[in-house]
C-alpha atoms as a PDB file:
ATOM      1  CA  MET A   1      -0.154  -0.589  -0.155  1.00  0.00           C
ATOM      2  CA  VAL A   2       1.432   3.384  -1.114  1.00  0.00           C
ATOM      3  CA  GLU A   3       1.637   6.299   1.628  1.00  0.00           C
ATOM      4  CA  VAL A   4       1.958  10.150   0.670  1.00  0.00           C
ATOM      5  CA  GLY A   5       4.802  11.194   0.056  1.00  0.00           C
ATOM      6  CA  ASP A   6       5.245   7.892  -1.474  1.00  0.00           C
ATOM      7  CA  ARG A   7       7.459   8.194  -4.798  1.00  0.00           C
ATOM      8  CA  VAL A   8       6.466   6.203  -7.520  1.00  0.00           C
ATOM      9  CA  LEU A   9       7.338   4.488 -11.220  1.00  0.00           C
ATOM     10  CA  VAL A  10       4.536   3.634 -13.400  1.00  0.00           C
ATOM     11  CA  VAL A  11       5.174   1.211 -16.036  1.00  0.00           C
ATOM     12  CA  SER A  12       3.059   2.048 -18.773  1.00  0.00           C
ATOM     13  CA  GLU A  13       1.346  -1.321 -20.089  1.00  0.00           C
ATOM     14  CA  LYS A  14       0.334   1.055 -23.527  1.00  0.00           C
ATOM     15  CA  VAL A  15       3.157   0.135 -25.998  1.00  0.00           C
ATOM     16  CA  GLY A  16       4.255   3.082 -26.529  1.00  0.00           C
ATOM     17  CA  SER A  17       4.018   5.103 -23.632  1.00  0.00           C
ATOM     18  CA  VAL A  18       6.776   6.267 -21.285  1.00  0.00           C
ATOM     19  CA  THR A  19       7.566   5.272 -17.792  1.00  0.00           C
ATOM     20  CA  ARG A  20       6.242   8.424 -14.926  1.00  0.00           C
ATOM     21  CA  SER A  21       7.183   9.519 -12.181  1.00  0.00           C
ATOM     22  CA  GLY A  22       6.250  11.399  -9.571  1.00  0.00           C
ATOM     23  CA  VAL A  23       5.180  11.509  -5.591  1.00  0.00           C
ATOM     24  CA  VAL A  24       2.153  10.264  -3.548  1.00  0.00           C
ATOM     25  CA  THR A  25      -0.340  13.319  -2.747  1.00  0.00           C
ATOM     26  CA  ALA A  26      -3.209  11.626  -1.317  1.00  0.00           C
ATOM     27  CA  VAL A  27      -5.089   8.196  -0.859  1.00  0.00           C
ATOM     28  CA  ASP A  28      -8.337   7.261  -0.941  1.00  0.00           C
ATOM     29  CA  GLY A  29      -8.434   4.104  -0.785  1.00  0.00           C
ATOM     30  CA  ARG A  30      -7.702   2.180  -3.656  1.00  0.00           C
ATOM     31  CA  PRO A  31      -7.470   5.733  -5.971  1.00  0.00           C
ATOM     32  CA  ILE A  32      -4.042   7.548  -5.399  1.00  0.00           C
ATOM     33  CA  THR A  33      -3.210  11.562  -7.235  1.00  0.00           C
ATOM     34  CA  VAL A  34       0.167  11.497  -7.660  1.00  0.00           C
ATOM     35  CA  ARG A  35       2.298  15.056  -8.555  1.00  0.00           C
ATOM     36  CA  TRP A  36       3.698  13.699 -11.957  1.00  0.00           C
ATOM     37  CA  ASP A  37       7.870  14.916 -12.096  1.00  0.00           C
ATOM     38  CA  ALA A  38       7.172  16.593 -14.860  1.00  0.00           C
ATOM     39  CA  GLY A  39       4.445  19.193 -13.036  1.00  0.00           C
ATOM     40  CA  SER A  40       0.968  17.493 -13.870  1.00  0.00           C
ATOM     41  CA  GLN A  41      -1.208  15.763 -11.408  1.00  0.00           C
ATOM     42  CA  SER A  42      -3.701  12.071 -11.877  1.00  0.00           C
ATOM     43  CA  VAL A  43      -6.055  10.812  -9.838  1.00  0.00           C
ATOM     44  CA  PHE A  44      -5.531   6.731 -11.313  1.00  0.00           C
ATOM     45  CA  VAL A  45      -6.328   3.483  -9.503  1.00  0.00           C
ATOM     46  CA  PRO A  46      -2.742   1.824 -10.230  1.00  0.00           C
ATOM     47  CA  SER A  47      -3.397  -1.712 -11.829  1.00  0.00           C
ATOM     48  CA  ALA A  48      -1.395  -5.168 -10.651  1.00  0.00           C
ATOM     49  CA  GLY A  49       2.074  -4.271 -10.557  1.00  0.00           C
ATOM     50  CA  SER A  50       2.272  -0.885 -12.935  1.00  0.00           C
ATOM     51  CA  LEU A  51       3.421   0.584  -9.735  1.00  0.00           C
ATOM     52  CA  GLN A  52       6.493   0.829  -8.706  1.00  0.00           C
ATOM     53  CA  VAL A  53       7.566   2.278  -4.693  1.00  0.00           C
ATOM     54  CA  THR A  54      10.707   4.016  -5.302  1.00  0.00           C
ATOM     55  CA  GLY A  55      11.662   6.489  -1.951  1.00  0.00           C
ATOM     56  CA  HIS A  56       9.596   8.477   0.030  1.00  0.00           C
ATOM     57  CA  GLU A  57       9.476  12.126   0.934  1.00  0.00           C
ATOM     58  CA  SER A  58       9.797  14.254   4.240  1.00  0.00           C
ATOM     59  CA  PRO A  59       7.213  17.263   4.433  1.00  0.00           C
ATOM     60  CA  ALA A  60      11.013  19.268   3.981  1.00  0.00           C
ATOM     61  CA  GLY A  61      11.496  16.994  -0.110  1.00  0.00           C
ATOM     62  CA  GLU A  62      14.319  15.247   1.014  1.00  0.00           C
ATOM     63  CA  GLN A  63      14.171  11.646   0.092  1.00  0.00           C
ATOM     64  CA  ILE A  64      14.306   8.672   1.607  1.00  0.00           C
ATOM     65  CA  ALA A  65      15.404   5.115  -0.135  1.00  0.00           C
ATOM     66  CA  PRO A  66      13.101   2.131   0.795  1.00  0.00           C
ATOM     67  CA  ASP A  67      14.888  -0.128   2.290  1.00  0.00           C
ATOM     68  CA  LEU A  68      15.687   2.748   5.127  1.00  0.00           C
ATOM     69  CA  ARG A  69      12.130   2.619   6.931  1.00  0.00           C
ATOM     70  CA  THR A  70      11.229   0.906  10.054  1.00  0.00           C
ATOM     71  CA  GLY A  71       8.857  -2.570  10.005  1.00  0.00           C
ATOM     72  CA  ASP A  72       5.510  -0.933   9.675  1.00  0.00           C
ATOM     73  CA  GLY A  73       7.009   1.398   6.442  1.00  0.00           C
ATOM     74  CA  ARG A  74       7.111   4.822   7.977  1.00  0.00           C
ATOM     75  CA  PRO A  75      10.758   6.552   7.630  1.00  0.00           C
ATOM     76  CA  ASN A  76      13.625   6.155   9.575  1.00  0.00           C
ATOM     77  CA  GLY A  77      14.834   9.512   9.718  1.00  0.00           C
ATOM     78  CA  ARG A  78      17.559   9.366   6.773  1.00  0.00           C
ATOM     79  CA  ALA A  79      17.658  10.934   4.492  1.00  0.00           C
ATOM     80  CA  LEU A  80      18.573  10.015   0.544  1.00  0.00           C
ATOM     81  CA  THR A  81      20.860  13.459  -0.157  1.00  0.00           C
ATOM     82  CA  SER A  82      22.950  14.029  -4.382  1.00  0.00           C
ATOM     83  CA  SER A  83      26.022  12.950  -1.787  1.00  0.00           C
ATOM     84  CA  GLY A  84      25.118   9.837   0.326  1.00  0.00           C
ATOM     85  CA  PHE A  85      23.121   9.680   3.088  1.00  0.00           C
ATOM     86  CA  CYS A  86      22.435  11.409   5.736  1.00  0.00           C
ATOM     87  CA  PRO A  87      21.540  10.215   9.738  1.00  0.00           C
END
């Protein structure tokens, strides 16, 4: 299950469509709202296997790698920066 702040990668099932990445801004059951890196926003229900969580953004916009989360999926506070991980 995705959470608000998760960075996601969505692979299109349609031939010729590009892979999109963005940040989840709302979750309402199955439908999720994503602010795409290209600047637009969409509400959609991802199909099985089409959505990959690649990280998490804190409110300050820092990315947190998914393997640095606590057991319940919450970030553990270590942020991914351009120079590596911050404690």
